[in-house]
């Protein structure tokens, strides 16, 4: 219900902004034209919100039915059998699964398989037996598939892209302060991996998949520049060290950032707060 209302507000804002851009410079009476414009915007919002209200219950029911079908599909899906490692030929084991949705295509469940010897690349198959294949990243010069390798040196994420034919090379470096990892989402926002993957599927947050040698999923990162107005600078979500005294001794611990500020005010300019719920101290104690 909250999601539908947010969509309605966003749609009305877009319509209002478009109406405000109408040029009235040719009107003789500027004040009268401005009043007419304001009246027209008011009426447009009236009919827009009225139409959205009439469709609200039906749309929400459709969303609930869709989500129920997806939950049933996810729970009932079984991984394909006898999938083998491309390197050592051992049978690989499914390690996790996720719902896979594409525009104008039926929903499916994707299974990720890992080799017991930790060989790369990992393999991924849909529940209908089709193997997932990464879309090729082609060289802009000659059209050959680029080879990509990445390295996390502890301070920066270094990605090198090379064309095996024309020798085109590109090296990009991303400072760790410029991106969030899945671990960061959990440690800083209490957002667990299933929820994060759902956000990615819904287009709420954009992820970049970093691969080893251009094959096999390695890890996903969430660049702040890709998610402007959604993700805050990491400096705003850093944990802090605190000192407590117990039994006559000083104990040093760290506490998450939201212990020291009101998250709703601290991150009011970032859309991630639209998808988070602030838990008060009483509820948190009851959970323990």
Protein backbone atom coordinates (compact mmCIF):
# COMPACT_ATOMS: atom_id res chain seq x y z
CA UNK A 1 0.00 0.00 0.00
CA UNK A 2 2.82 2.41 0.88
CA UNK A 3 4.51 1.58 -2.43
CA UNK A 4 1.36 2.43 -4.41
CA UNK A 5 0.99 5.73 -2.54
CA UNK A 6 4.64 6.60 -3.21
CA UNK A 7 4.09 5.88 -6.91
CA UNK A 8 1.04 8.16 -6.86
CA UNK A 9 2.96 10.99 -5.21
CA UNK A 10 5.82 10.63 -7.68
CA UNK A 11 3.44 10.60 -10.66
CA UNK A 12 1.67 13.72 -9.41
CA UNK A 13 4.98 15.49 -8.86
CA UNK A 14 6.07 14.71 -12.41
CA UNK A 15 2.75 15.92 -13.83
CA UNK A 16 2.91 19.10 -11.77
CA UNK A 17 6.47 19.84 -12.84
CA UNK A 18 5.53 19.34 -16.49
CA UNK A 19 2.55 21.69 -16.16
CA UNK A 20 4.68 24.37 -14.51
CA UNK A 21 6.93 24.46 -17.55
CA UNK A 22 4.10 25.70 -19.79
CA UNK A 23 5.14 29.09 -21.20
CA UNK A 24 2.65 31.93 -20.60
CA UNK A 25 4.70 34.76 -22.11
CA UNK A 26 2.17 35.33 -24.91
CA UNK A 27 -0.72 35.86 -22.51
CA UNK A 28 -1.85 39.48 -22.20
CA UNK A 29 -2.92 39.35 -18.57
CA UNK A 30 -0.10 37.66 -16.65
CA UNK A 31 -1.94 37.50 -13.33
CA UNK A 32 -5.05 36.02 -14.90
CA UNK A 33 -2.94 33.52 -16.84
CA UNK A 34 -1.12 32.51 -13.65
CA UNK A 35 -4.45 31.95 -11.86
CA UNK A 36 -5.71 29.90 -14.77
CA UNK A 37 -2.56 27.84 -14.77
CA UNK A 38 -2.81 27.21 -11.01
CA UNK A 39 -6.46 26.18 -11.41
CA UNK A 40 -5.58 23.83 -14.27
CA UNK A 41 -2.83 22.18 -12.19
CA UNK A 42 -5.22 21.79 -9.26
CA UNK A 43 -7.85 20.14 -11.47
CA UNK A 44 -5.25 17.91 -13.10
CA UNK A 45 -4.09 16.73 -9.65
CA UNK A 46 -7.73 16.20 -8.65
CA UNK A 47 -8.47 13.89 -11.55
CA UNK A 48 -5.05 12.19 -11.39
CA UNK A 49 -5.38 11.29 -7.71
CA UNK A 50 -9.03 10.31 -8.19
CA UNK A 51 -8.18 7.89 -10.97
CA UNK A 52 -5.31 6.44 -8.98
CA UNK A 53 -7.62 5.98 -5.98
CA UNK A 54 -10.17 4.09 -8.09
CA UNK A 55 -7.45 1.71 -9.30
CA UNK A 56 -5.72 1.34 -5.94
CA UNK A 57 -7.48 -1.75 -4.52
CA UNK A 58 -7.39 -3.60 -7.86
CA UNK A 59 -3.70 -2.82 -8.42
CA UNK A 60 -2.69 -3.84 -4.90
CA UNK A 61 -4.62 -7.14 -5.25
CA UNK A 62 -2.81 -7.79 -8.53
CA UNK A 63 0.54 -7.10 -6.83
CA UNK A 64 -0.33 -9.45 -3.96
CA UNK A 65 -1.43 -12.21 -6.34
CA UNK A 66 1.75 -11.78 -8.38
CA UNK A 67 3.95 -11.89 -5.28
CA UNK A 68 2.15 -15.00 -4.00
CA UNK A 69 2.71 -16.79 -7.31
CA UNK A 70 6.36 -15.78 -7.23
CA UNK A 71 6.74 -17.04 -3.66
CA UNK A 72 5.19 -20.36 -4.64
CA UNK A 73 7.44 -20.61 -7.68
CA UNK A 74 10.52 -19.84 -5.58
CA UNK A 75 9.65 -22.38 -2.88
CA UNK A 76 8.76 -25.20 -5.29
CA UNK A 77 11.64 -24.76 -7.77
CA UNK A 78 14.21 -27.56 -7.84
CA UNK A 79 17.78 -27.28 -9.18
CA UNK A 80 18.77 -29.21 -12.32
CA UNK A 81 20.67 -32.43 -11.61
CA UNK A 82 24.10 -33.70 -12.63
CA UNK A 83 25.68 -30.28 -13.25
CA UNK A 84 29.46 -30.60 -13.46
CA UNK A 85 32.42 -28.29 -13.00
CA UNK A 86 33.96 -27.15 -16.28
CA UNK A 87 37.47 -27.54 -14.83
CA UNK A 88 37.63 -30.73 -12.75
CA UNK A 89 34.35 -32.34 -13.92
CA UNK A 90 33.16 -33.00 -10.35
CA UNK A 91 29.48 -32.57 -9.66
CA UNK A 92 28.78 -29.06 -8.40
CA UNK A 93 26.44 -28.20 -5.55
CA UNK A 94 23.69 -25.55 -5.59
CA UNK A 95 24.55 -22.94 -2.97
CA UNK A 96 21.72 -20.46 -3.33
CA UNK A 97 18.78 -19.57 -5.52
CA UNK A 98 16.94 -16.41 -6.44
CA UNK A 99 13.86 -15.39 -8.35
CA UNK A 100 14.70 -14.17 -11.86
CA UNK A 101 12.33 -11.72 -13.55
CA UNK A 102 12.61 -10.24 -17.03
CA UNK A 103 10.34 -7.86 -18.90
CA UNK A 104 7.64 -9.69 -20.88
CA UNK A 105 9.12 -13.08 -19.99
CA UNK A 106 7.89 -15.71 -17.51
CA UNK A 107 9.46 -15.70 -14.05
CA UNK A 108 12.09 -18.32 -13.35
CA UNK A 109 14.35 -19.37 -10.49
CA UNK A 110 18.12 -19.17 -10.93
CA UNK A 111 20.43 -21.55 -9.04
CA UNK A 112 24.12 -20.83 -8.44
CA UNK A 113 26.42 -23.87 -8.29
CA UNK A 114 29.80 -24.09 -6.56
CA UNK A 115 32.55 -26.65 -7.04
CA UNK A 116 33.87 -28.46 -3.95
CA UNK A 117 37.39 -27.63 -5.18
CA UNK A 118 36.43 -23.94 -5.50
CA UNK A 119 37.17 -23.98 -9.24
CA UNK A 120 36.21 -20.98 -11.34
CA UNK A 121 34.09 -20.11 -13.15
CA UNK A 122 31.06 -20.94 -11.07
CA UNK A 123 27.99 -22.07 -13.00
CA UNK A 124 24.38 -20.93 -12.87
CA UNK A 125 21.28 -22.68 -14.22
CA UNK A 126 17.60 -21.85 -14.29
CA UNK A 127 15.10 -24.31 -12.90
CA UNK A 128 14.04 -25.21 -16.46
CA UNK A 129 17.59 -26.42 -17.21
CA UNK A 130 18.82 -23.45 -19.26
CA UNK A 131 22.30 -22.25 -18.33
CA UNK A 132 22.69 -18.59 -17.45
CA UNK A 133 25.33 -16.90 -19.57
CA UNK A 134 26.82 -13.50 -19.02
CA UNK A 135 26.09 -10.96 -21.70
CA UNK A 136 29.39 -10.25 -23.50
CA UNK A 137 31.11 -6.90 -23.01
CA UNK A 138 32.31 -6.05 -26.52
CA UNK A 139 35.27 -3.92 -27.55
CA UNK A 140 34.14 -0.59 -29.03
CA UNK A 141 37.00 -0.71 -31.52
CA UNK A 142 36.79 -4.18 -33.07
CA UNK A 143 33.71 -5.83 -31.51
CA UNK A 144 35.66 -8.65 -29.82
CA UNK A 145 34.55 -9.80 -26.37
CA UNK A 146 36.65 -8.07 -23.76
CA UNK A 147 38.53 -9.92 -21.04
CA UNK A 148 38.11 -8.52 -17.56
CA UNK A 149 39.96 -9.15 -14.32
CA UNK A 150 39.54 -7.50 -10.96
CA UNK A 151 41.53 -7.25 -7.78
CA UNK A 152 40.68 -5.92 -4.37
CA UNK A 153 43.96 -4.77 -2.86
CA UNK A 154 42.38 -3.84 0.46
CA UNK A 155 42.09 -0.17 -0.41
CA UNK A 156 40.81 -0.04 -3.98
CA UNK A 157 38.90 -2.19 -6.40
CA UNK A 158 41.05 -2.33 -9.54
CA UNK A 159 39.40 -3.55 -12.73
CA UNK A 160 41.41 -4.16 -15.91
CA UNK A 161 39.62 -4.63 -19.23
CA UNK A 162 41.60 -5.88 -22.23
CA UNK A 163 40.77 -6.75 -25.83
CA UNK A 164 42.67 -9.91 -26.93
CA UNK A 165 42.63 -8.78 -30.60
CA UNK A 166 43.38 -5.06 -30.82
CA UNK A 167 45.04 -4.85 -27.38
CA UNK A 168 42.72 -2.09 -26.19
CA UNK A 169 43.18 -1.76 -22.42
CA UNK A 170 41.31 0.16 -19.76
CA UNK A 171 42.09 0.24 -16.05
CA UNK A 172 39.66 1.70 -13.54
CA UNK A 173 40.19 2.16 -9.83
CA UNK A 174 37.41 2.58 -7.34
CA UNK A 175 38.22 3.71 -3.83
CA UNK A 176 36.42 1.69 -1.16
CA UNK A 177 34.72 4.86 0.00
CA UNK A 178 32.98 5.08 -3.40
CA UNK A 179 31.03 1.82 -3.18
CA UNK A 180 29.10 -0.42 -0.82
CA UNK A 181 29.40 -4.19 -0.66
CA UNK A 182 26.67 -6.63 0.36
CA UNK A 183 28.40 -6.84 3.73
CA UNK A 184 28.20 -3.04 4.06
CA UNK A 185 24.43 -3.15 3.48
CA UNK A 186 24.03 -5.69 6.26
CA UNK A 187 26.44 -4.13 8.75
CA UNK A 188 25.39 -0.50 8.18
CA UNK A 189 21.67 -0.78 7.34
CA UNK A 190 20.70 -4.28 8.57
CA UNK A 191 19.68 -5.13 5.00
CA UNK A 192 20.26 -8.84 4.41
CA UNK A 193 21.22 -10.40 1.08
CA UNK A 194 17.72 -11.66 0.07
CA UNK A 195 16.29 -8.17 0.52
CA UNK A 196 19.22 -6.61 -1.33
CA UNK A 197 18.80 -8.99 -4.27
CA UNK A 198 15.10 -8.11 -4.34
CA UNK A 199 15.98 -4.41 -4.48
CA UNK A 200 18.27 -5.08 -7.43
CA UNK A 201 15.55 -7.00 -9.28
CA UNK A 202 13.05 -4.22 -8.69
CA UNK A 203 15.48 -1.55 -9.89
CA UNK A 204 15.59 0.16 -6.51
CA UNK A 205 19.38 -0.10 -6.36
CA UNK A 206 21.86 -0.70 -9.17
CA UNK A 207 24.59 -3.32 -8.79
CA UNK A 208 27.73 -3.95 -10.78
CA UNK A 209 28.91 -7.52 -11.16
CA UNK A 210 32.67 -7.87 -10.93
CA UNK A 211 34.02 -10.99 -12.64
CA UNK A 212 37.31 -12.87 -12.67
CA UNK A 213 38.86 -13.22 -16.13
CA UNK A 214 35.54 -12.25 -17.65
CA UNK A 215 33.79 -15.45 -16.53
CA UNK A 216 31.86 -16.46 -13.46
CA UNK A 217 30.25 -14.27 -10.83
CA UNK A 218 32.79 -12.95 -8.35
CA UNK A 219 31.03 -10.29 -6.33
CA UNK A 220 28.59 -7.43 -6.63
CA UNK A 221 29.32 -3.85 -5.64
CA UNK A 222 27.01 -0.86 -5.42
CA UNK A 223 28.69 2.32 -6.59
CA UNK A 224 27.53 5.53 -4.97
CA UNK A 225 27.77 7.29 -8.34
CA UNK A 226 25.37 4.71 -9.81
CA UNK A 227 22.92 5.23 -6.95
CA UNK A 228 22.93 8.99 -6.44
CA UNK A 229 20.26 10.29 -4.04
CA UNK A 230 19.84 6.72 -2.77
CA UNK A 231 23.13 5.84 -1.08
CA UNK A 232 24.81 8.31 1.28
CA UNK A 233 28.58 8.82 1.50
CA UNK A 234 30.06 6.02 3.56
CA UNK A 235 31.44 8.58 6.02
CA UNK A 236 27.85 9.16 7.16
CA UNK A 237 27.37 5.51 8.11
CA UNK A 238 30.66 4.74 9.83
CA UNK A 239 30.53 2.98 13.20
CA UNK A 240 32.07 4.76 16.18
CA UNK A 241 34.26 3.62 19.00
CA UNK A 242 32.89 3.97 22.53
CA UNK A 243 34.34 3.32 25.96
CA UNK A 244 32.36 1.76 28.78
CA UNK A 245 33.53 1.01 32.28
CA UNK A 246 32.67 -2.34 33.84
CA UNK A 247 34.15 -4.05 36.87
CA UNK A 248 36.63 -1.22 37.27
CA UNK A 249 37.99 -1.66 33.75
CA UNK A 250 37.61 0.30 30.51
CA UNK A 251 36.10 -1.66 27.64
CA UNK A 252 36.38 -0.42 24.08
CA UNK A 253 33.64 -1.39 21.62
CA UNK A 254 32.10 -0.05 18.43
CA UNK A 255 28.50 0.99 17.94
CA UNK A 256 26.66 1.52 14.63
CA UNK A 257 26.13 5.07 13.42
CA UNK A 258 22.38 5.03 14.08
CA UNK A 259 23.01 4.81 17.82
CA UNK A 260 24.20 8.42 17.78
CA UNK A 261 21.74 10.14 15.42
CA UNK A 262 18.13 9.97 14.31
CA UNK A 263 18.39 8.03 11.03
CA UNK A 264 15.28 9.71 9.63
CA UNK A 265 16.92 13.12 9.98
CA UNK A 266 20.50 12.04 9.31
CA UNK A 267 19.62 10.41 5.97
CA UNK A 268 16.57 12.47 5.06
CA UNK A 269 18.12 13.42 1.69
CA UNK A 270 18.67 9.80 0.61
CA UNK A 271 15.96 7.53 -0.76
CA UNK A 272 17.25 4.46 1.03
CA UNK A 273 15.29 5.66 4.05
CA UNK A 274 12.08 5.06 2.07
CA UNK A 275 12.88 1.35 2.26
CA UNK A 276 14.14 1.10 5.84
CA UNK A 277 12.24 0.89 9.10
CA UNK A 278 13.63 2.46 12.24
CA UNK A 279 13.31 0.11 15.22
CA UNK A 280 12.95 1.82 18.59
CA UNK A 281 14.93 0.72 21.64
CA UNK A 282 11.95 -1.03 23.25
CA UNK A 283 11.29 -3.22 20.21
CA UNK A 284 14.99 -3.94 19.85
CA UNK A 285 15.17 -5.14 23.45
CA UNK A 286 12.15 -7.37 22.91
CA UNK A 287 13.91 -8.99 19.94
CA UNK A 288 16.91 -10.00 22.03
